[in-house]
Amino acid sequence: MNAQTLFANATVSRIQLSVDFSEPGHYILYAYHIIFSTSAVLLSGSVVIGILKTKHLRIQNRFMFMLSTSMSDVITGLSAYYSGLFDVQEGFPSRNGTYNILPSFLGINLLVFMFAQFDRYCAVCYPFIYERFVSRTVVICVCSYCWFHACVINQLVLNLIPGLIANQFFSYTVTLLQIVVLTNVGMTTKLFFVAKHQVARDPPSAERDSKAESIKIIIVVVISFLIFWYPTFINIIVKQVSKYGIYSKSDGTNPFLILARFNALSTSGLYIWGSPSLRTAVWRIGWYKVLPQCKRR
């Protein structure tokens, strides 16, 4: 009898799937999570390996920012295997959650993008000061701080303080993120005019092409990031300040989180689209063997 009771308790405590497959759409959603997770890991992982294996990319500051966000996207893709396929609810209250560890990786890109925008702005508008003070070591330290802030500081605060205070801190964090988002919007607008006027006035050269390419990439990437993420921010704020907002059964069925996670796939895709040198590096790590037809074209 005791063995049967233990078996029953183990069955009850087993984590359920995110959907019960009672509707045809559940099969489509479940297949989407599997395809998305696999695609995000492969694409973002290819960017990470391509940058690490190519010396002339590793020594450029802008590719260090790309490397940081792509590493975060790899972890986001891997985390979607758990949070997308199983009955997981992060936040407050949490259900089968990871103590907000996995969601923190989604926020790393927001900080990295902000610093990357400042980096590109200084590189174009103040090239002499930039070359003197902004070294590769400085960029690596900035990216490391973004990871430390999101994965250590936030986790210590959210997981060590009482639940009610942690929920209030979470609300303040979301509000602070809006300031970062507005900063990103302002810097994106500024970079657009810089690319339109400052870079256009420089004489034709490889350096000018590199500056124009890097600005184009960061502008498009940040815009896509805001498109995918901002509905989630708005929904969280609405739920925090009122009784309205959209609530979902789990993170795997939350349309806003599904949209936000897609950033892990789009960012690396835009990197490859916007940078021929990165595209070549990714191609050389082994994709030419997997896609021989594309090579011939």
Protein backbone atom coordinates (compact mmCIF):
# COMPACT_ATOMS: atom_id res chain seq x y z
CA MET A 1 0.00 0.00 0.00
CA ASN A 2 2.83 2.36 0.82
CA ALA A 3 4.51 1.64 -2.50
CA GLN A 4 1.28 2.40 -4.35
CA THR A 5 0.91 5.66 -2.45
CA LEU A 6 4.47 6.73 -3.28
CA PHE A 7 3.91 5.89 -6.94
CA ALA A 8 0.68 7.90 -6.98
CA ASN A 9 2.38 10.89 -5.37
CA ALA A 10 5.22 10.71 -7.88
CA THR A 11 2.71 10.62 -10.73
CA VAL A 12 0.84 13.64 -9.37
CA SER A 13 4.05 15.63 -8.87
CA ARG A 14 5.28 14.92 -12.38
CA ILE A 15 5.47 18.09 -14.48
CA GLN A 16 2.68 18.20 -17.04
CA LEU A 17 3.05 19.31 -20.63
CA SER A 18 2.19 22.86 -21.65
CA VAL A 19 -0.81 21.64 -23.68
CA ASP A 20 -3.16 18.66 -23.30
CA PHE A 21 -3.56 18.05 -27.05
CA SER A 22 -7.34 18.38 -26.82
CA GLU A 23 -7.36 20.69 -29.86
CA PRO A 24 -5.59 20.51 -33.24
CA GLY A 25 -3.87 23.81 -32.50
CA HIS A 26 -2.07 22.24 -29.55
CA TYR A 27 -0.14 19.95 -31.90
CA ILE A 28 0.87 22.93 -34.05
CA LEU A 29 1.98 24.93 -31.00
CA TYR A 30 3.99 22.03 -29.60
CA ALA A 31 5.68 21.42 -32.95
CA TYR A 32 6.44 25.14 -33.20
CA HIS A 33 8.29 25.13 -29.86
CA ILE A 34 10.42 22.19 -30.95
CA ILE A 35 11.24 23.72 -34.34
CA PHE A 36 11.89 27.16 -32.86
CA SER A 37 14.17 25.87 -30.09
CA THR A 38 16.20 23.77 -32.49
CA SER A 39 16.47 26.57 -35.06
CA ALA A 40 17.49 29.17 -32.45
CA VAL A 41 20.21 26.92 -31.02
CA LEU A 42 21.59 26.03 -34.45
CA LEU A 43 21.52 29.55 -35.89
CA SER A 44 22.74 31.41 -32.82
CA GLY A 45 25.26 28.68 -32.08
CA SER A 46 26.61 29.01 -35.61
CA VAL A 47 27.13 32.75 -35.06
CA VAL A 48 28.95 32.08 -31.78
CA ILE A 49 31.24 29.46 -33.34
CA GLY A 50 31.78 31.56 -36.47
CA ILE A 51 32.96 34.57 -34.44
CA LEU A 52 35.13 32.53 -32.07
CA LYS A 53 36.85 30.67 -34.92
CA THR A 54 37.53 33.76 -37.05
CA LYS A 55 40.34 35.96 -35.75
CA HIS A 56 39.55 39.11 -37.74
CA LEU A 57 36.03 39.05 -36.29
CA ARG A 58 37.14 38.44 -32.70
CA ILE A 59 39.35 41.54 -32.69
CA GLN A 60 36.48 43.87 -33.69
CA ASN A 61 34.42 45.39 -30.90
CA ARG A 62 31.09 45.17 -32.69
CA PHE A 63 31.41 41.41 -33.06
CA MET A 64 31.96 41.08 -29.31
CA PHE A 65 28.49 42.54 -28.80
CA MET A 66 27.13 40.11 -31.41
CA LEU A 67 28.88 37.24 -29.64
CA SER A 68 27.33 38.20 -26.31
CA THR A 69 23.77 38.41 -27.60
CA SER A 70 24.15 35.22 -29.64
CA MET A 71 25.33 33.30 -26.57
CA SER A 72 22.27 34.54 -24.73
CA ASP A 73 20.07 33.47 -27.66
CA VAL A 74 21.55 29.96 -27.57
CA ILE A 75 20.57 29.63 -23.91
CA THR A 76 17.13 31.08 -24.68
CA GLY A 77 16.65 28.49 -27.39
CA LEU A 78 17.68 25.69 -25.04
CA SER A 79 15.42 27.02 -22.28
CA ALA A 80 12.44 26.94 -24.64
CA TYR A 81 12.69 23.15 -24.66
CA TYR A 82 11.65 23.32 -21.00
CA SER A 83 9.50 26.44 -20.62
CA GLY A 84 7.78 25.95 -23.98
CA LEU A 85 7.10 22.23 -23.85
CA PHE A 86 6.18 21.85 -20.17
CA ASP A 87 3.72 23.45 -17.77
CA VAL A 88 5.97 26.25 -16.55
CA GLN A 89 4.96 29.62 -15.15
CA GLU A 90 7.75 32.02 -14.25
CA GLY A 91 7.25 35.19 -12.26
CA PHE A 92 5.05 35.74 -9.22
CA PRO A 93 3.53 33.34 -8.39
CA SER A 94 5.77 30.72 -10.00
CA ARG A 95 4.84 27.18 -11.07
CA ASN A 96 7.56 24.68 -11.97
CA GLY A 97 9.72 27.75 -12.55
CA THR A 98 13.48 28.19 -12.54
CA TYR A 99 13.60 31.00 -9.93
CA ASN A 100 13.49 33.49 -12.83
CA ILE A 101 16.88 32.30 -14.09
CA LEU A 102 15.75 31.47 -17.63
CA PRO A 103 13.80 34.74 -18.17
CA SER A 104 16.89 36.70 -17.13
CA PHE A 105 18.68 35.59 -20.30
CA LEU A 106 15.99 37.28 -22.36
CA GLY A 107 16.85 40.58 -20.68
CA ILE A 108 20.58 40.42 -21.36
CA ASN A 109 20.11 41.45 -24.97
CA LEU A 110 18.29 44.61 -23.96
CA LEU A 111 21.31 45.88 -22.00
CA VAL A 112 23.83 44.70 -24.59
CA PHE A 113 21.93 46.43 -27.40
CA MET A 114 21.95 49.71 -25.47
CA PHE A 115 25.72 49.60 -24.95
CA ALA A 116 26.24 48.48 -28.56
CA GLN A 117 24.35 51.54 -29.76
CA PHE A 118 26.53 53.85 -27.66
CA ASP A 119 29.56 52.00 -29.00
CA ARG A 120 28.59 52.52 -32.65
CA TYR A 121 27.66 56.15 -32.03
CA CYS A 122 31.04 56.93 -30.46
CA ALA A 123 32.90 54.95 -33.12
CA VAL A 124 31.35 57.02 -35.91
CA CYS A 125 31.07 60.48 -34.33
CA TYR A 126 34.23 60.46 -32.19
CA PRO A 127 36.61 58.04 -33.95
CA PHE A 128 39.86 59.37 -32.40
CA ILE A 129 38.55 59.25 -28.84
CA TYR A 130 36.97 55.87 -29.53
CA GLU A 131 40.17 54.30 -30.82
CA ARG A 132 42.08 55.61 -27.84
CA PHE A 133 39.80 54.65 -24.97
CA VAL A 134 37.38 51.92 -26.17
CA SER A 135 39.46 48.79 -26.47
CA ARG A 136 38.37 45.20 -26.93
CA THR A 137 38.95 44.64 -23.21
CA VAL A 138 36.55 47.46 -22.36
CA VAL A 139 33.85 45.96 -24.59
CA ILE A 140 34.32 42.53 -23.05
CA CYS A 141 34.01 44.05 -19.56
CA VAL A 142 30.80 45.85 -20.59
CA CYS A 143 29.28 42.64 -21.96
CA SER A 144 30.36 40.76 -18.83
CA TYR A 145 28.64 43.38 -16.68
CA CYS A 146 25.38 42.88 -18.62
CA TRP A 147 25.54 39.17 -17.88
CA PHE A 148 26.48 39.76 -14.24
CA HIS A 149 23.70 42.28 -13.69
CA ALA A 150 20.98 40.12 -15.27
CA CYS A 151 22.09 36.72 -13.99
CA VAL A 152 23.53 37.53 -10.56
CA ILE A 153 22.30 40.83 -9.14
CA ASN A 154 18.68 40.37 -10.24
CA GLN A 155 18.63 36.73 -9.14
CA LEU A 156 20.00 37.53 -5.70
CA VAL A 157 17.41 40.23 -5.15
CA LEU A 158 14.44 38.32 -6.55
CA ASN A 159 15.22 35.03 -4.81
CA LEU A 160 16.51 36.15 -1.41
CA ILE A 161 13.94 38.77 -0.41
CA PRO A 162 10.35 37.96 0.67
CA GLY A 163 7.82 37.20 -2.07
CA LEU A 164 5.75 40.39 -1.70
CA ILE A 165 8.81 42.62 -1.83
CA ALA A 166 10.21 40.59 -4.71
CA ASN A 167 7.00 41.15 -6.63
CA GLN A 168 7.30 44.90 -6.05
CA PHE A 169 10.93 44.82 -7.11
CA PHE A 170 9.90 42.97 -10.24
CA SER A 171 7.46 45.79 -11.01
CA TYR A 172 10.19 48.38 -10.52
CA THR A 173 12.51 46.36 -12.75
CA VAL A 174 9.93 46.35 -15.54
CA THR A 175 9.57 50.12 -15.16
CA LEU A 176 13.35 50.52 -15.32
CA LEU A 177 13.42 48.41 -18.46
CA GLN A 178 11.07 50.90 -20.07
CA ILE A 179 13.71 53.59 -19.52
CA VAL A 180 16.25 51.34 -21.21
CA VAL A 181 13.80 50.74 -24.05
CA LEU A 182 13.24 54.47 -24.51
CA THR A 183 17.01 54.94 -24.52
CA ASN A 184 17.25 52.31 -27.24
CA VAL A 185 14.60 54.10 -29.26
CA GLY A 186 16.40 57.43 -28.89
CA MET A 187 19.77 55.95 -29.82
CA THR A 188 18.26 54.13 -32.80
CA THR A 189 16.88 57.43 -34.10
CA LYS A 190 20.22 59.12 -33.49
CA LEU A 191 22.13 56.36 -35.28
CA PHE A 192 19.79 56.61 -38.24
CA PHE A 193 20.68 60.26 -38.78
CA VAL A 194 24.35 59.54 -38.13
CA ALA A 195 24.31 56.87 -40.82
CA LYS A 196 22.47 59.21 -43.15
CA HIS A 197 24.77 62.20 -42.80
CA GLN A 198 28.01 61.46 -40.94
CA VAL A 199 28.97 58.23 -42.72
CA ALA A 200 27.81 59.54 -46.11
CA ARG A 201 30.28 62.42 -45.90
CA ASP A 202 33.29 60.14 -45.39
CA PRO A 203 35.31 59.27 -48.49
CA PRO A 204 34.79 55.76 -49.91
CA SER A 205 36.89 53.24 -47.98
CA ALA A 206 36.69 49.87 -46.28
CA GLU A 207 36.44 51.62 -42.90
CA ARG A 208 33.42 53.64 -44.02
CA ASP A 209 31.72 50.53 -45.34
CA SER A 210 32.37 48.78 -42.04
CA LYS A 211 30.87 51.67 -40.08
CA ALA A 212 27.80 51.82 -42.33
CA GLU A 213 27.36 48.07 -42.08
CA SER A 214 27.61 48.02 -38.28
CA ILE A 215 25.13 50.90 -37.89
CA LYS A 216 22.68 49.28 -40.28
CA ILE A 217 22.83 46.00 -38.38
CA ILE A 218 22.34 47.52 -34.93
CA ILE A 219 19.43 49.70 -36.11
CA VAL A 220 17.57 46.80 -37.74
CA VAL A 221 18.30 44.43 -34.84
CA VAL A 222 17.09 46.87 -32.18
CA ILE A 223 13.93 47.69 -34.13
CA SER A 224 13.11 43.99 -34.48
CA PHE A 225 13.88 43.47 -30.79
CA LEU A 226 11.45 46.23 -29.79
CA ILE A 227 8.76 44.84 -32.11
CA PHE A 228 9.00 41.39 -30.55
CA TRP A 229 9.46 42.49 -26.95
CA TYR A 230 7.33 45.57 -26.42
CA PRO A 231 3.93 43.78 -26.40
CA THR A 232 5.24 41.70 -23.49
CA PHE A 233 6.33 44.81 -21.60
CA ILE A 234 2.96 46.46 -22.11
CA ASN A 235 1.04 43.37 -20.97
CA ILE A 236 3.19 43.04 -17.82
CA ILE A 237 2.70 46.70 -16.92
CA VAL A 238 -1.06 46.48 -17.48
CA LYS A 239 -1.29 43.43 -15.21
CA GLN A 240 0.83 45.13 -12.56
CA VAL A 241 -1.16 48.36 -12.37
CA SER A 242 -4.67 47.01 -13.02
CA LYS A 243 -6.78 43.86 -13.03
CA TYR A 244 -6.69 43.74 -16.81
CA GLY A 245 -4.18 42.22 -19.16
CA ILE A 246 -3.88 38.82 -20.81
CA TYR A 247 -3.19 35.82 -18.59
CA SER A 248 -2.09 32.48 -19.99
CA LYS A 249 -2.15 28.95 -18.63
CA SER A 250 1.62 28.62 -18.96
CA ASP A 251 4.61 30.31 -20.55
CA GLY A 252 4.38 27.87 -23.45
CA THR A 253 0.91 29.15 -24.36
CA ASN A 254 1.60 32.84 -23.67
CA PRO A 255 1.46 34.61 -27.06
CA PHE A 256 3.53 37.55 -25.80
CA LEU A 257 6.35 35.34 -24.53
CA ILE A 258 6.27 33.30 -27.72
CA LEU A 259 6.68 36.53 -29.69
CA ALA A 260 9.46 37.75 -27.39
CA ARG A 261 11.37 34.47 -27.63
CA PHE A 262 11.37 34.72 -31.41
CA ASN A 263 13.95 37.46 -30.96
CA ALA A 264 16.47 34.69 -30.19
CA LEU A 265 16.08 33.51 -33.78
CA SER A 266 15.67 36.82 -35.57
CA THR A 267 18.70 38.53 -34.03
CA SER A 268 21.23 35.98 -35.26
CA GLY A 269 19.50 35.83 -38.63
CA LEU A 270 19.81 39.60 -38.99
CA TYR A 271 23.48 39.46 -38.00
CA ILE A 272 24.17 36.98 -40.78
CA TRP A 273 22.03 38.93 -43.26
CA GLY A 274 23.74 42.26 -42.53
CA SER A 275 27.38 41.19 -42.30
CA PRO A 276 29.01 39.45 -45.31
CA SER A 277 32.13 38.66 -43.26
CA LEU A 278 30.07 36.96 -40.56
CA ARG A 279 28.05 35.15 -43.20
CA THR A 280 31.26 33.78 -44.69
CA ALA A 281 32.54 32.74 -41.27
CA VAL A 282 29.31 30.92 -40.46
CA TRP A 283 29.35 29.24 -43.85
CA ARG A 284 32.89 27.97 -43.34
CA ILE A 285 32.22 26.26 -40.01
CA GLY A 286 30.46 23.45 -41.83
CA TRP A 287 27.18 24.66 -43.33
CA TYR A 288 28.63 24.34 -46.83
CA LYS A 289 28.63 20.57 -46.25
CA VAL A 290 25.03 20.55 -45.05
CA LEU A 291 23.72 22.85 -47.80
CA PRO A 292 25.80 22.05 -50.89
CA GLN A 293 23.07 23.31 -53.24
CA CYS A 294 23.36 26.82 -51.79
CA LYS A 295 27.12 26.76 -52.32
CA ARG A 296 26.72 26.12 -56.03
CA ARG A 297 24.26 29.00 -56.31
